[in-house]
PDB file of N, CA and C in Angstrom:
ATOM      1  N   MET A   1       1.189  12.597  13.667  1.00  0.00           N
ATOM      2  CA  MET A   1       1.146  12.607  12.225  1.00  0.00           C
ATOM      3  C   MET A   1       2.323  11.790  11.694  1.00  0.00           C
ATOM      4  N   ILE A   2       2.027  10.981  10.708  1.00  0.00           N
ATOM      5  CA  ILE A   2       3.052  10.168  10.059  1.00  0.00           C
ATOM      6  C   ILE A   2       3.406  10.844   8.737  1.00  0.00           C
ATOM      7  N   GLN A   3       4.685  10.953   8.442  1.00  0.00           N
ATOM      8  CA  GLN A   3       5.124  11.578   7.203  1.00  0.00           C
ATOM      9  C   GLN A   3       5.755  10.535   6.294  1.00  0.00           C
ATOM     10  N   LEU A   4       5.259  10.458   5.058  1.00  0.00           N
ATOM     11  CA  LEU A   4       5.790   9.544   4.055  1.00  0.00           C
ATOM     12  C   LEU A   4       6.286  10.346   2.864  1.00  0.00           C
ATOM     13  N   LYS A   5       7.229   9.791   2.133  1.00  0.00           N
ATOM     14  CA  LYS A   5       7.765  10.465   0.955  1.00  0.00           C
ATOM     15  C   LYS A   5       7.711   9.510  -0.230  1.00  0.00           C
ATOM     16  N   GLN A   6       7.173   9.995  -1.334  1.00  0.00           N
ATOM     17  CA  GLN A   6       7.078   9.192  -2.549  1.00  0.00           C
ATOM     18  C   GLN A   6       8.448   9.055  -3.186  1.00  0.00           C
ATOM     19  N   ASP A   7       8.799   7.820  -3.592  1.00  0.00           N
ATOM     20  CA  ASP A   7      10.082   7.627  -4.258  1.00  0.00           C
ATOM     21  C   ASP A   7       9.954   7.940  -5.748  1.00  0.00           C
ATOM     22  N   SER A   8      11.046   7.835  -6.478  1.00  0.00           N
ATOM     23  CA  SER A   8      11.051   8.205  -7.893  1.00  0.00           C
ATOM     24  C   SER A   8      10.216   7.264  -8.752  1.00  0.00           C
ATOM     25  N   ASP A   9       9.881   6.079  -8.247  1.00  0.00           N
ATOM     26  CA  ASP A   9       9.055   5.129  -8.990  1.00  0.00           C
ATOM     27  C   ASP A   9       7.566   5.311  -8.716  1.00  0.00           C
ATOM     28  N   GLY A  10       7.201   6.207  -7.799  1.00  0.00           N
ATOM     29  CA  GLY A  10       5.798   6.490  -7.515  1.00  0.00           C
ATOM     30  C   GLY A  10       5.214   5.721  -6.349  1.00  0.00           C
ATOM     31  N   TYR A  11       6.065   5.218  -5.450  1.00  0.00           N
ATOM     32  CA  TYR A  11       5.606   4.410  -4.328  1.00  0.00           C
ATOM     33  C   TYR A  11       5.975   5.060  -3.000  1.00  0.00           C
ATOM     34  N   VAL A  12       5.205   4.726  -1.956  1.00  0.00           N
ATOM     35  CA  VAL A  12       5.588   5.041  -0.583  1.00  0.00           C
ATOM     36  C   VAL A  12       5.765   3.722   0.147  1.00  0.00           C
ATOM     37  N   ARG A  13       6.611   3.708   1.138  1.00  0.00           N
ATOM     38  CA  ARG A  13       6.850   2.490   1.909  1.00  0.00           C
ATOM     39  C   ARG A  13       5.755   2.373   2.964  1.00  0.00           C
ATOM     40  N   MET A  14       5.027   1.279   2.886  1.00  0.00           N
ATOM     41  CA  MET A  14       3.934   1.030   3.821  1.00  0.00           C
ATOM     42  C   MET A  14       3.778  -0.476   3.931  1.00  0.00           C
ATOM     43  N   SER A  15       4.242  -1.065   5.012  1.00  0.00           N
ATOM     44  CA  SER A  15       4.215  -2.518   5.138  1.00  0.00           C
ATOM     45  C   SER A  15       3.140  -3.018   6.091  1.00  0.00           C
ATOM     46  N   ARG A  16       2.296  -2.116   6.578  1.00  0.00           N
ATOM     47  CA  ARG A  16       1.246  -2.511   7.514  1.00  0.00           C
ATOM     48  C   ARG A  16       0.134  -1.474   7.481  1.00  0.00           C
ATOM     49  N   HIS A  17      -0.965  -1.782   8.130  1.00  0.00           N
ATOM     50  CA  HIS A  17      -2.052  -0.820   8.263  1.00  0.00           C
ATOM     51  C   HIS A  17      -1.698   0.225   9.311  1.00  0.00           C
ATOM     52  N   PHE A  18      -2.196   1.436   9.112  1.00  0.00           N
ATOM     53  CA  PHE A  18      -2.038   2.506  10.085  1.00  0.00           C
ATOM     54  C   PHE A  18      -3.332   2.641  10.880  1.00  0.00           C
ATOM     55  N   PRO A  19      -3.285   3.228  12.067  1.00  0.00           N
ATOM     56  CA  PRO A  19      -4.531   3.502  12.789  1.00  0.00           C
ATOM     57  C   PRO A  19      -5.450   4.382  11.942  1.00  0.00           C
ATOM     58  N   ALA A  20      -6.736   4.081  11.946  1.00  0.00           N
ATOM     59  CA  ALA A  20      -7.693   4.717  11.027  1.00  0.00           C
ATOM     60  C   ALA A  20      -7.766   6.236  11.169  1.00  0.00           C
ATOM     61  N   LYS A  21      -7.632   6.758  12.364  1.00  0.00           N
ATOM     62  CA  LYS A  21      -7.800   8.202  12.570  1.00  0.00           C
ATOM     63  C   LYS A  21      -6.495   8.989  12.501  1.00  0.00           C
ATOM     64  N   THR A  22      -5.388   8.328  12.266  1.00  0.00           N
ATOM     65  CA  THR A  22      -4.097   8.995  12.187  1.00  0.00           C
ATOM     66  C   THR A  22      -3.994   9.798  10.899  1.00  0.00           C
ATOM     67  N   LEU A  23      -3.452  10.994  10.984  1.00  0.00           N
ATOM     68  CA  LEU A  23      -3.195  11.791   9.788  1.00  0.00           C
ATOM     69  C   LEU A  23      -1.856  11.390   9.203  1.00  0.00           C
ATOM     70  N   ILE A  24      -1.837  11.241   7.878  1.00  0.00           N
ATOM     71  CA  ILE A  24      -0.625  10.837   7.176  1.00  0.00           C
ATOM     72  C   ILE A  24      -0.338  11.883   6.108  1.00  0.00           C
ATOM     73  N   SER A  25       0.842  12.439   6.163  1.00  0.00           N
ATOM     74  CA  SER A  25       1.269  13.450   5.200  1.00  0.00           C
ATOM     75  C   SER A  25       2.186  12.788   4.174  1.00  0.00           C
ATOM     76  N   ILE A  26       1.872  12.971   2.890  1.00  0.00           N
ATOM     77  CA  ILE A  26       2.709  12.410   1.825  1.00  0.00           C
ATOM     78  C   ILE A  26       3.312  13.549   1.035  1.00  0.00           C
ATOM     79  N   THR A  27       4.633  13.521   0.909  1.00  0.00           N
ATOM     80  CA  THR A  27       5.340  14.465   0.051  1.00  0.00           C
ATOM     81  C   THR A  27       5.591  13.747  -1.268  1.00  0.00           C
ATOM     82  N   PHE A  28       4.973  14.254  -2.331  1.00  0.00           N
ATOM     83  CA  PHE A  28       5.096  13.625  -3.641  1.00  0.00           C
ATOM     84  C   PHE A  28       6.369  14.073  -4.337  1.00  0.00           C
ATOM     85  N   SER A  29       6.777  13.312  -5.331  1.00  0.00           N
ATOM     86  CA  SER A  29       8.036  13.606  -6.023  1.00  0.00           C
ATOM     87  C   SER A  29       7.999  14.932  -6.772  1.00  0.00           C
ATOM     88  N   ASP A  30       6.798  15.447  -7.069  1.00  0.00           N
ATOM     89  CA  ASP A  30       6.712  16.745  -7.749  1.00  0.00           C
ATOM     90  C   ASP A  30       6.780  17.915  -6.770  1.00  0.00           C
ATOM     91  N   GLY A  31       6.903  17.615  -5.478  1.00  0.00           N
ATOM     92  CA  GLY A  31       7.046  18.647  -4.459  1.00  0.00           C
ATOM     93  C   GLY A  31       5.762  18.974  -3.724  1.00  0.00           C
ATOM     94  N   SER A  32       4.623  18.518  -4.205  1.00  0.00           N
ATOM     95  CA  SER A  32       3.366  18.798  -3.533  1.00  0.00           C
ATOM     96  C   SER A  32       3.218  17.914  -2.304  1.00  0.00           C
ATOM     97  N   VAL A  33       2.410  18.387  -1.366  1.00  0.00           N
ATOM     98  CA  VAL A  33       2.176  17.669  -0.117  1.00  0.00           C
ATOM     99  C   VAL A  33       0.670  17.527   0.067  1.00  0.00           C
ATOM    100  N   ALA A  34       0.232  16.361   0.492  1.00  0.00           N
ATOM    101  CA  ALA A  34      -1.191  16.131   0.762  1.00  0.00           C
ATOM    102  C   ALA A  34      -1.326  15.304   2.030  1.00  0.00           C
ATOM    103  N   GLU A  35      -2.456  15.479   2.715  1.00  0.00           N
ATOM    104  CA  GLU A  35      -2.722  14.732   3.938  1.00  0.00           C
ATOM    105  C   GLU A  35      -3.881  13.780   3.717  1.00  0.00           C
ATOM    106  N   TYR A  36      -3.742  12.583   4.247  1.00  0.00           N
ATOM    107  CA  TYR A  36      -4.765  11.549   4.143  1.00  0.00           C
ATOM    108  C   TYR A  36      -4.968  10.931   5.509  1.00  0.00           C
ATOM    109  N   THR A  37      -6.109  10.308   5.700  1.00  0.00           N
ATOM    110  CA  THR A  37      -6.353   9.600   6.950  1.00  0.00           C
ATOM    111  C   THR A  37      -5.758   8.206   6.849  1.00  0.00           C
ATOM    112  N   GLY A  38      -5.542   7.603   7.993  1.00  0.00           N
ATOM    113  CA  GLY A  38      -5.057   6.231   8.012  1.00  0.00           C
ATOM    114  C   GLY A  38      -6.028   5.297   7.323  1.00  0.00           C
ATOM    115  N   ARG A  39      -7.314   5.573   7.470  1.00  0.00           N
ATOM    116  CA  ARG A  39      -8.335   4.738   6.834  1.00  0.00           C
ATOM    117  C   ARG A  39      -8.156   4.729   5.314  1.00  0.00           C
ATOM    118  N   ARG A  40      -7.928   5.904   4.712  1.00  0.00           N
ATOM    119  CA  ARG A  40      -7.752   5.986   3.252  1.00  0.00           C
ATOM    120  C   ARG A  40      -6.476   5.273   2.817  1.00  0.00           C
ATOM    121  N   MET A  41      -5.400   5.438   3.557  1.00  0.00           N
ATOM    122  CA  MET A  41      -4.153   4.770   3.202  1.00  0.00           C
ATOM    123  C   MET A  41      -4.283   3.252   3.358  1.00  0.00           C
ATOM    124  N   ASN A  42      -5.058   2.813   4.334  1.00  0.00           N
ATOM    125  CA  ASN A  42      -5.303   1.378   4.496  1.00  0.00           C
ATOM    126  C   ASN A  42      -6.071   0.828   3.301  1.00  0.00           C
ATOM    127  N   GLU A  43      -7.025   1.608   2.777  1.00  0.00           N
ATOM    128  CA  GLU A  43      -7.752   1.192   1.576  1.00  0.00           C
ATOM    129  C   GLU A  43      -6.804   1.056   0.388  1.00  0.00           C
ATOM    130  N   ILE A  44      -5.900   2.009   0.241  1.00  0.00           N
ATOM    131  CA  ILE A  44      -4.932   1.975  -0.858  1.00  0.00           C
ATOM    132  C   ILE A  44      -4.003   0.774  -0.691  1.00  0.00           C
ATOM    133  N   TYR A  45      -3.588   0.507   0.539  1.00  0.00           N
ATOM    134  CA  TYR A  45      -2.738  -0.655   0.829  1.00  0.00           C
ATOM    135  C   TYR A  45      -3.466  -1.953   0.466  1.00  0.00           C
ATOM    136  N   ASP A  46      -4.734  -2.048   0.855  1.00  0.00           N
ATOM    137  CA  ASP A  46      -5.512  -3.254   0.558  1.00  0.00           C
ATOM    138  C   ASP A  46      -5.685  -3.464  -0.945  1.00  0.00           C
ATOM    139  N   GLU A  47      -5.863  -2.377  -1.695  1.00  0.00           N
ATOM    140  CA  GLU A  47      -5.964  -2.477  -3.155  1.00  0.00           C
ATOM    141  C   GLU A  47      -4.649  -2.979  -3.755  1.00  0.00           C
ATOM    142  N   ALA A  48      -3.523  -2.468  -3.257  1.00  0.00           N
ATOM    143  CA  ALA A  48      -2.218  -2.904  -3.760  1.00  0.00           C
ATOM    144  C   ALA A  48      -1.967  -4.365  -3.413  1.00  0.00           C
ATOM    145  N   LEU A  49      -2.378  -4.787  -2.231  1.00  0.00           N
ATOM    146  CA  LEU A  49      -2.209  -6.175  -1.814  1.00  0.00           C
ATOM    147  C   LEU A  49      -3.068  -7.112  -2.670  1.00  0.00           C
ATOM    148  N   ALA A  50      -4.302  -6.717  -2.937  1.00  0.00           N
ATOM    149  CA  ALA A  50      -5.177  -7.533  -3.786  1.00  0.00           C
ATOM    150  C   ALA A  50      -4.620  -7.628  -5.198  1.00  0.00           C
ATOM    151  N   SER A  51      -4.094  -6.540  -5.715  1.00  0.00           N
ATOM    152  CA  SER A  51      -3.494  -6.538  -7.046  1.00  0.00           C
ATOM    153  C   SER A  51      -2.270  -7.447  -7.094  1.00  0.00           C
ATOM    154  N   TYR A  52      -1.446  -7.400  -6.055  1.00  0.00           N
ATOM    155  CA  TYR A  52      -0.257  -8.254  -5.973  1.00  0.00           C
ATOM    156  C   TYR A  52      -0.657  -9.722  -5.975  1.00  0.00           C
ATOM    157  N   ARG A  53      -1.643 -10.052  -5.163  1.00  0.00           N
ATOM    158  CA  ARG A  53      -2.074 -11.444  -5.072  1.00  0.00           C
ATOM    159  C   ARG A  53      -2.699 -11.923  -6.370  1.00  0.00           C
ATOM    160  N   LEU A  54      -3.484 -11.072  -7.016  1.00  0.00           N
ATOM    161  CA  LEU A  54      -4.091 -11.438  -8.294  1.00  0.00           C
ATOM    162  C   LEU A  54      -3.021 -11.640  -9.360  1.00  0.00           C
ATOM    163  N   GLY A  55      -2.034 -10.762  -9.395  1.00  0.00           N
ATOM    164  CA  GLY A  55      -0.959 -10.860 -10.376  1.00  0.00           C
ATOM    165  C   GLY A  55      -0.058 -12.059 -10.183  1.00  0.00           C
ATOM    166  N   ASN A  56      -0.042 -12.611  -8.973  1.00  0.00           N
ATOM    167  CA  ASN A  56       0.803 -13.767  -8.682  1.00  0.00           C
ATOM    168  C   ASN A  56       0.000 -15.051  -8.498  1.00  0.00           C
ATOM    169  N   ASN A  57      -1.253 -15.036  -8.932  1.00  0.00           N
ATOM    170  CA  ASN A  57      -2.144 -16.201  -8.867  1.00  0.00           C
ATOM    171  C   ASN A  57      -2.275 -16.774  -7.464  1.00  0.00           C
ATOM    172  N   LEU A  58      -2.432 -15.908  -6.482  1.00  0.00           N
ATOM    173  CA  LEU A  58      -2.620 -16.323  -5.099  1.00  0.00           C
ATOM    174  C   LEU A  58      -4.086 -16.154  -4.719  1.00  0.00           C
ATOM    175  N   ASP A  59      -4.548 -16.908  -3.734  1.00  0.00           N
ATOM    176  CA  ASP A  59      -5.937 -16.754  -3.311  1.00  0.00           C
ATOM    177  C   ASP A  59      -6.063 -15.557  -2.366  1.00  0.00           C
ATOM    178  N   ALA A  60      -7.251 -15.335  -1.847  1.00  0.00           N
ATOM    179  CA  ALA A  60      -7.515 -14.161  -1.013  1.00  0.00           C
ATOM    180  C   ALA A  60      -6.682 -14.130   0.264  1.00  0.00           C
ATOM    181  N   LYS A  61      -6.239 -15.284   0.744  1.00  0.00           N
ATOM    182  CA  LYS A  61      -5.414 -15.333   1.949  1.00  0.00           C
ATOM    183  C   LYS A  61      -3.929 -15.264   1.628  1.00  0.00           C
ATOM    184  N   GLY A  62      -3.570 -15.257   0.346  1.00  0.00           N
ATOM    185  CA  GLY A  62      -2.170 -15.136  -0.031  1.00  0.00           C
ATOM    186  C   GLY A  62      -1.463 -16.447  -0.253  1.00  0.00           C
ATOM    187  N   PHE A  63      -2.210 -17.534  -0.467  1.00  0.00           N
ATOM    188  CA  PHE A  63      -1.599 -18.840  -0.677  1.00  0.00           C
ATOM    189  C   PHE A  63      -1.779 -19.294  -2.111  1.00  0.00           C
ATOM    190  N   ASP A  64      -0.789 -19.979  -2.608  1.00  0.00           N
ATOM    191  CA  ASP A  64      -0.861 -20.613  -3.917  1.00  0.00           C
ATOM    192  C   ASP A  64      -1.338 -22.037  -3.678  1.00  0.00           C
ATOM    193  N   ARG A  65      -2.574 -22.317  -4.008  1.00  0.00           N
ATOM    194  CA  ARG A  65      -3.163 -23.620  -3.690  1.00  0.00           C
ATOM    195  C   ARG A  65      -2.739 -24.714  -4.673  1.00  0.00           C
ATOM    196  N   ASN A  66      -2.008 -24.369  -5.712  1.00  0.00           N
ATOM    197  CA  ASN A  66      -1.612 -25.347  -6.715  1.00  0.00           C
ATOM    198  C   ASN A  66      -0.286 -26.035  -6.406  1.00  0.00           C
ATOM    199  N   THR A  67       0.516 -25.496  -5.554  1.00  0.00           N
ATOM    200  CA  THR A  67       1.816 -26.084  -5.252  1.00  0.00           C
ATOM    201  C   THR A  67       1.873 -26.534  -3.800  1.00  0.00           C
ATOM    202  N   LYS A  68       2.812 -27.367  -3.493  1.00  0.00           N
ATOM    203  CA  LYS A  68       2.988 -27.860  -2.129  1.00  0.00           C
ATOM    204  C   LYS A  68       3.669 -26.826  -1.228  1.00  0.00           C
ATOM    205  N   LYS A  69       4.404 -25.920  -1.826  1.00  0.00           N
ATOM    206  CA  LYS A  69       5.137 -24.913  -1.072  1.00  0.00           C
ATOM    207  C   LYS A  69       4.184 -23.774  -0.692  1.00  0.00           C
ATOM    208  N   ILE A  70       4.041 -23.503   0.601  1.00  0.00           N
ATOM    209  CA  ILE A  70       3.147 -22.445   1.065  1.00  0.00           C
ATOM    210  C   ILE A  70       3.987 -21.222   1.408  1.00  0.00           C
ATOM    211  N   HIS A  71       3.597 -20.100   0.879  1.00  0.00           N
ATOM    212  CA  HIS A  71       4.304 -18.847   1.126  1.00  0.00           C
ATOM    213  C   HIS A  71       3.705 -18.183   2.356  1.00  0.00           C
ATOM    214  N   ARG A  72       4.497 -18.014   3.372  1.00  0.00           N
ATOM    215  CA  ARG A  72       4.015 -17.424   4.619  1.00  0.00           C
ATOM    216  C   ARG A  72       3.922 -15.907   4.555  1.00  0.00           C
ATOM    217  N   ARG A  73       4.758 -15.282   3.763  1.00  0.00           N
ATOM    218  CA  ARG A  73       4.764 -13.812   3.719  1.00  0.00           C
ATOM    219  C   ARG A  73       4.362 -13.365   2.326  1.00  0.00           C
ATOM    220  N   ASN A  74       3.098 -13.130   2.130  1.00  0.00           N
ATOM    221  CA  ASN A  74       2.599 -12.624   0.852  1.00  0.00           C
ATOM    222  C   ASN A  74       2.014 -11.246   1.097  1.00  0.00           C
ATOM    223  N   ALA A  75       2.859 -10.268   1.134  1.00  0.00           N
ATOM    224  CA  ALA A  75       2.437  -8.909   1.427  1.00  0.00           C
ATOM    225  C   ALA A  75       3.221  -7.945   0.546  1.00  0.00           C
ATOM    226  N   VAL A  76       2.812  -6.715   0.567  1.00  0.00           N
ATOM    227  CA  VAL A  76       3.509  -5.677  -0.185  1.00  0.00           C
ATOM    228  C   VAL A  76       4.182  -4.735   0.804  1.00  0.00           C
ATOM    229  N   ASP A  77       5.303  -4.172   0.400  1.00  0.00           N
ATOM    230  CA  ASP A  77       5.995  -3.189   1.226  1.00  0.00           C
ATOM    231  C   ASP A  77       5.922  -1.796   0.635  1.00  0.00           C
ATOM    232  N   HIS A  78       5.603  -1.704  -0.637  1.00  0.00           N
ATOM    233  CA  HIS A  78       5.542  -0.427  -1.323  1.00  0.00           C
ATOM    234  C   HIS A  78       4.176  -0.284  -1.976  1.00  0.00           C
ATOM    235  N   VAL A  79       3.556   0.873  -1.777  1.00  0.00           N
ATOM    236  CA  VAL A  79       2.209   1.125  -2.256  1.00  0.00           C
ATOM    237  C   VAL A  79       2.263   2.264  -3.273  1.00  0.00           C
ATOM    238  N   PRO A  80       1.645   2.078  -4.467  1.00  0.00           N
ATOM    239  CA  PRO A  80       1.661   3.150  -5.462  1.00  0.00           C
ATOM    240  C   PRO A  80       0.744   4.300  -5.049  1.00  0.00           C
ATOM    241  N   VAL A  81       1.243   5.526  -5.152  1.00  0.00           N
ATOM    242  CA  VAL A  81       0.467   6.729  -4.854  1.00  0.00           C
ATOM    243  C   VAL A  81       0.723   7.744  -5.950  1.00  0.00           C
ATOM    244  N   GLN A  82      -0.182   8.711  -6.039  1.00  0.00           N
ATOM    245  CA  GLN A  82       0.005   9.791  -7.006  1.00  0.00           C
ATOM    246  C   GLN A  82      -0.610  11.069  -6.453  1.00  0.00           C
ATOM    247  N   ALA A  83      -0.083  12.184  -6.854  1.00  0.00           N
ATOM    248  CA  ALA A  83      -0.608  13.475  -6.398  1.00  0.00           C
ATOM    249  C   ALA A  83      -2.031  13.620  -6.925  1.00  0.00           C
ATOM    250  N   GLY A  84      -2.900  14.148  -6.093  1.00  0.00           N
ATOM    251  CA  GLY A  84      -4.279  14.370  -6.495  1.00  0.00           C
ATOM    252  C   GLY A  84      -5.205  13.206  -6.187  1.00  0.00           C
ATOM    253  N   MET A  85      -4.741  12.223  -5.395  1.00  0.00           N
ATOM    254  CA  MET A  85      -5.637  11.143  -4.997  1.00  0.00           C
ATOM    255  C   MET A  85      -6.751  11.736  -4.165  1.00  0.00           C
ATOM    256  N   THR A  86      -7.927  11.139  -4.265  1.00  0.00           N
ATOM    257  CA  THR A  86      -9.033  11.646  -3.462  1.00  0.00           C
ATOM    258  C   THR A  86      -8.805  11.303  -2.000  1.00  0.00           C
ATOM    259  N   ALA A  87      -9.134  12.213  -1.147  1.00  0.00           N
ATOM    260  CA  ALA A  87      -8.897  12.034   0.289  1.00  0.00           C
ATOM    261  C   ALA A  87      -9.921  11.166   0.958  1.00  0.00           C
TER     262      ALA A  87
END
């Protein structure tokens, strides 16, 4: 089981996908605790990554096709979570 803790801004640190069947326990800032599968957390991570790329005008692979400078690391390290997310 992997244990994560929500920070005061509402995020957990997650810089990669977790194995799909792994149980992940999140302690929220309000003191509640919930368990999610790796598959669900990977979905949340993918949503945050897509939002980041959309907000920064990047394509689906994370590249800005309008400039000559290619960004090799277009990923998120912090994923927004909230108590009461569906499992």
